[in-house]
Protein backbone atom coordinates (compact mmCIF):
# COMPACT_ATOMS: atom_id res chain seq x y z
CA MET A 1 -152.18 72.45 -28.94
CA VAL A 2 -151.81 76.16 -29.76
CA GLN A 3 -154.13 77.04 -26.89
CA ASN A 4 -151.99 75.01 -24.43
CA ARG A 5 -148.90 76.89 -25.51
CA ARG A 6 -150.52 80.19 -24.59
CA VAL A 7 -151.77 78.81 -21.27
CA PHE A 8 -148.24 77.72 -20.34
CA ASP A 9 -146.23 80.51 -21.98
CA ASP A 10 -145.44 82.15 -18.63
CA LEU A 11 -143.99 78.87 -17.37
CA LEU A 12 -141.97 78.26 -20.51
CA GLU A 13 -140.58 81.79 -20.36
CA ALA A 14 -139.67 81.30 -16.70
CA ASN A 15 -137.94 78.07 -17.65
CA ARG A 16 -135.86 79.83 -20.30
CA ARG A 17 -134.65 82.27 -17.62
CA TYR A 18 -134.00 79.36 -15.25
CA GLN A 19 -131.91 77.56 -17.87
CA SER A 20 -129.61 80.54 -18.26
CA GLY A 21 -128.47 80.16 -14.65
CA PHE A 22 -128.85 76.39 -14.32
CA HIS A 23 -125.98 74.90 -12.31
CA GLU A 24 -127.44 71.60 -11.06
CA ALA A 25 -126.45 69.46 -14.05
CA GLY A 26 -123.84 67.59 -11.98
CA VAL A 27 -126.04 66.94 -8.95
CA ASP A 28 -126.23 63.23 -8.10
CA GLY A 29 -129.65 61.54 -8.09
CA ARG A 30 -129.05 60.19 -4.59
CA ALA A 31 -130.13 62.09 -1.49
CA ALA A 32 -126.93 63.88 -0.46
CA ARG A 33 -128.25 64.50 3.08
CA GLY A 34 -129.84 61.05 3.35
CA LEU A 35 -133.28 62.58 3.77
CA ALA A 36 -136.73 62.05 2.30
CA VAL A 37 -139.47 64.56 3.09
CA VAL A 38 -143.14 63.70 2.73
CA THR A 39 -145.30 66.80 2.89
CA CYS A 40 -148.54 68.28 1.69
CA ILE A 41 -149.20 69.84 -1.70
CA ASP A 42 -149.97 73.15 0.02
CA SER A 43 -148.16 75.84 -1.95
CA ARG A 44 -147.18 77.67 1.25
CA ILE A 45 -144.64 74.94 2.01
CA ASP A 46 -141.18 75.05 0.44
CA PRO A 47 -139.72 71.75 1.70
CA LEU A 48 -136.12 72.57 0.83
CA ALA A 49 -136.25 75.96 2.54
CA VAL A 50 -138.07 74.61 5.62
CA PHE A 51 -135.12 72.30 6.35
CA GLY A 52 -132.35 74.54 5.01
CA LEU A 53 -131.66 72.20 2.11
CA ARG A 54 -130.54 72.61 -1.49
CA THR A 55 -131.23 70.77 -4.73
CA GLY A 56 -129.94 67.21 -4.43
CA ASP A 57 -130.05 67.06 -0.62
CA ALA A 58 -133.35 65.20 -0.26
CA LYS A 59 -136.11 63.28 -1.96
CA ILE A 60 -139.36 65.27 -1.80
CA LEU A 61 -142.74 63.52 -1.97
CA ARG A 62 -145.96 65.52 -1.87
CA ASN A 63 -149.64 64.70 -1.70
CA ALA A 64 -152.77 66.20 -0.17
CA GLY A 65 -152.44 65.91 3.59
CA ALA A 66 -148.89 64.48 3.54
CA ARG A 67 -150.42 61.01 3.87
CA ILE A 68 -148.41 57.80 3.69
CA THR A 69 -150.31 56.14 0.86
CA ASP A 70 -149.27 52.96 -0.93
CA ASP A 71 -147.63 55.06 -3.64
CA VAL A 72 -145.68 57.18 -1.15
CA LEU A 73 -144.54 54.01 0.61
CA ARG A 74 -143.43 52.57 -2.76
CA SER A 75 -141.33 55.67 -3.40
CA LEU A 76 -139.86 55.58 0.10
CA VAL A 77 -138.89 51.92 -0.27
CA LEU A 78 -137.00 52.77 -3.46
CA ALA A 79 -135.44 55.92 -1.97
CA VAL A 80 -134.19 54.05 1.10
CA ASN A 81 -132.97 50.96 -0.69
CA LEU A 82 -131.53 52.58 -3.82
CA LEU A 83 -130.93 56.30 -3.24
CA ASP A 84 -129.14 56.61 0.12
CA VAL A 85 -132.11 57.78 2.20
CA HIS A 86 -131.68 56.83 5.87
CA ARG A 87 -134.13 59.25 7.50
CA ILE A 88 -137.63 60.33 6.65
CA ALA A 89 -139.51 63.44 7.78
CA VAL A 90 -143.29 63.39 7.46
CA VAL A 91 -144.52 67.00 7.56
CA GLN A 92 -148.17 67.97 8.07
CA HIS A 93 -149.08 71.65 8.35
CA THR A 94 -151.50 73.94 10.11
CA ASP A 95 -154.70 75.02 8.35
CA CYS A 96 -154.76 71.92 6.14
CA ALA A 97 -157.95 71.15 4.22
CA VAL A 98 -157.33 67.40 4.56
CA ILE A 99 -156.13 67.30 8.15
CA GLY A 100 -158.98 69.19 9.72
CA SER A 101 -161.86 67.86 7.64
CA THR A 102 -163.62 64.56 7.15
CA ASP A 103 -163.90 62.58 3.94
CA ASP A 104 -167.63 63.31 3.90
CA GLU A 105 -166.95 67.05 4.13
CA LEU A 106 -164.42 66.91 1.32
CA ARG A 107 -166.72 64.80 -0.84
CA ALA A 108 -169.45 67.41 -0.38
CA ARG A 109 -167.06 70.27 -1.23
CA VAL A 110 -165.86 68.50 -4.38
CA ALA A 111 -169.45 67.71 -5.39
CA ASP A 112 -170.41 71.37 -4.85
CA ALA A 113 -167.43 72.58 -6.88
CA ARG A 114 -167.85 70.12 -9.76
CA GLY A 115 -171.44 69.01 -9.59
CA ALA A 116 -170.08 65.47 -9.68
CA ASP A 117 -170.59 62.52 -7.38
CA ALA A 118 -167.49 62.08 -5.22
CA SER A 119 -169.02 59.35 -3.03
CA GLY A 120 -166.57 56.67 -4.17
CA TRP A 121 -163.50 58.71 -3.28
CA GLU A 122 -161.35 58.38 -0.18
CA PHE A 123 -159.45 61.56 0.57
CA LEU A 124 -157.79 60.21 3.75
CA ALA A 125 -159.02 63.18 5.74
CA GLY A 126 -159.40 63.41 9.49
CA ARG A 127 -159.62 65.90 12.32
CA ASP A 128 -157.02 64.46 14.70
CA GLY A 129 -153.79 65.58 13.07
CA PRO A 130 -151.39 64.19 15.69
CA ALA A 131 -153.08 60.76 15.63
CA ILE A 132 -153.00 60.69 11.82
CA LEU A 133 -149.34 61.72 11.81
CA ARG A 134 -148.44 59.06 14.41
CA ALA A 135 -150.25 56.39 12.37
CA ASP A 136 -148.48 57.44 9.17
CA VAL A 137 -145.07 57.43 10.88
CA GLU A 138 -145.84 53.95 12.24
CA ARG A 139 -146.86 52.76 8.78
CA ILE A 140 -143.38 53.64 7.55
CA ARG A 141 -141.71 52.02 10.57
CA ASN A 142 -143.71 48.81 10.09
CA CYS A 143 -142.91 48.39 6.40
CA LYS A 144 -141.00 45.14 5.95
CA LEU A 145 -139.06 46.53 2.98
CA LEU A 146 -137.52 49.27 5.13
CA PRO A 147 -134.73 48.73 7.67
CA ALA A 148 -135.57 48.62 11.39
CA ASP A 149 -133.00 51.34 12.14
CA LEU A 150 -134.52 53.84 9.69
CA GLU A 151 -135.02 57.21 11.38
CA VAL A 152 -138.58 58.45 10.91
CA GLY A 153 -139.91 61.69 12.36
CA GLY A 154 -143.24 63.44 12.26
CA PHE A 155 -143.51 67.24 12.19
CA VAL A 156 -146.08 69.99 11.87
CA PHE A 157 -145.21 73.09 9.85
CA ASP A 158 -146.93 76.32 10.92
CA VAL A 159 -147.93 78.18 7.76
CA ARG A 160 -148.16 81.48 9.68
CA THR A 161 -144.77 81.46 11.43
CA GLY A 162 -142.64 78.97 9.48
CA ALA A 163 -142.00 77.01 12.69
CA LEU A 164 -141.50 73.27 12.45
CA THR A 165 -142.69 71.37 15.53
CA PRO A 166 -141.75 67.71 16.16
CA LEU A 167 -144.71 65.37 16.62
CA ASP A 168 -144.02 64.78 20.30
CA ARG A 169 -144.46 68.52 20.91
CA ALA A 170 -147.35 69.14 18.46
CA HIS A 171 -150.85 69.73 19.80
């Protein structure tokens, strides 16, 4: 346990500084702007900043590739039905390791990095980003636990320029 404290000391110190200026204690747990954002874990993406949002405005869900997995769908069902979400933005990004690779390629990279067999893993990778994004948007639209009038949009975030391109204009 002592070793973990040293490993995380920088984060705990940053948190102490954060606490001194913390003003979000009264923020409601509902999505003030009615928005949920599903995006990739890529650290170049700041979902609140990308959309000009603040703490409390949106529900943020992240996973590798911004994929609509069963768990993401579970969270979206709860966010829509319990937390005032009425629109969902699914945001892929340029230069993504998942969208731009195949599962076989990622399995090989993981095996090379860890020396472990990754053959049983599905990383939900693929090379056709727009097709993957369309399919994920449709998966949300077809969920029976979500309302038919739910607004769902697909976007691609450019990690070099910060531009957000709607799916219908993405290449």
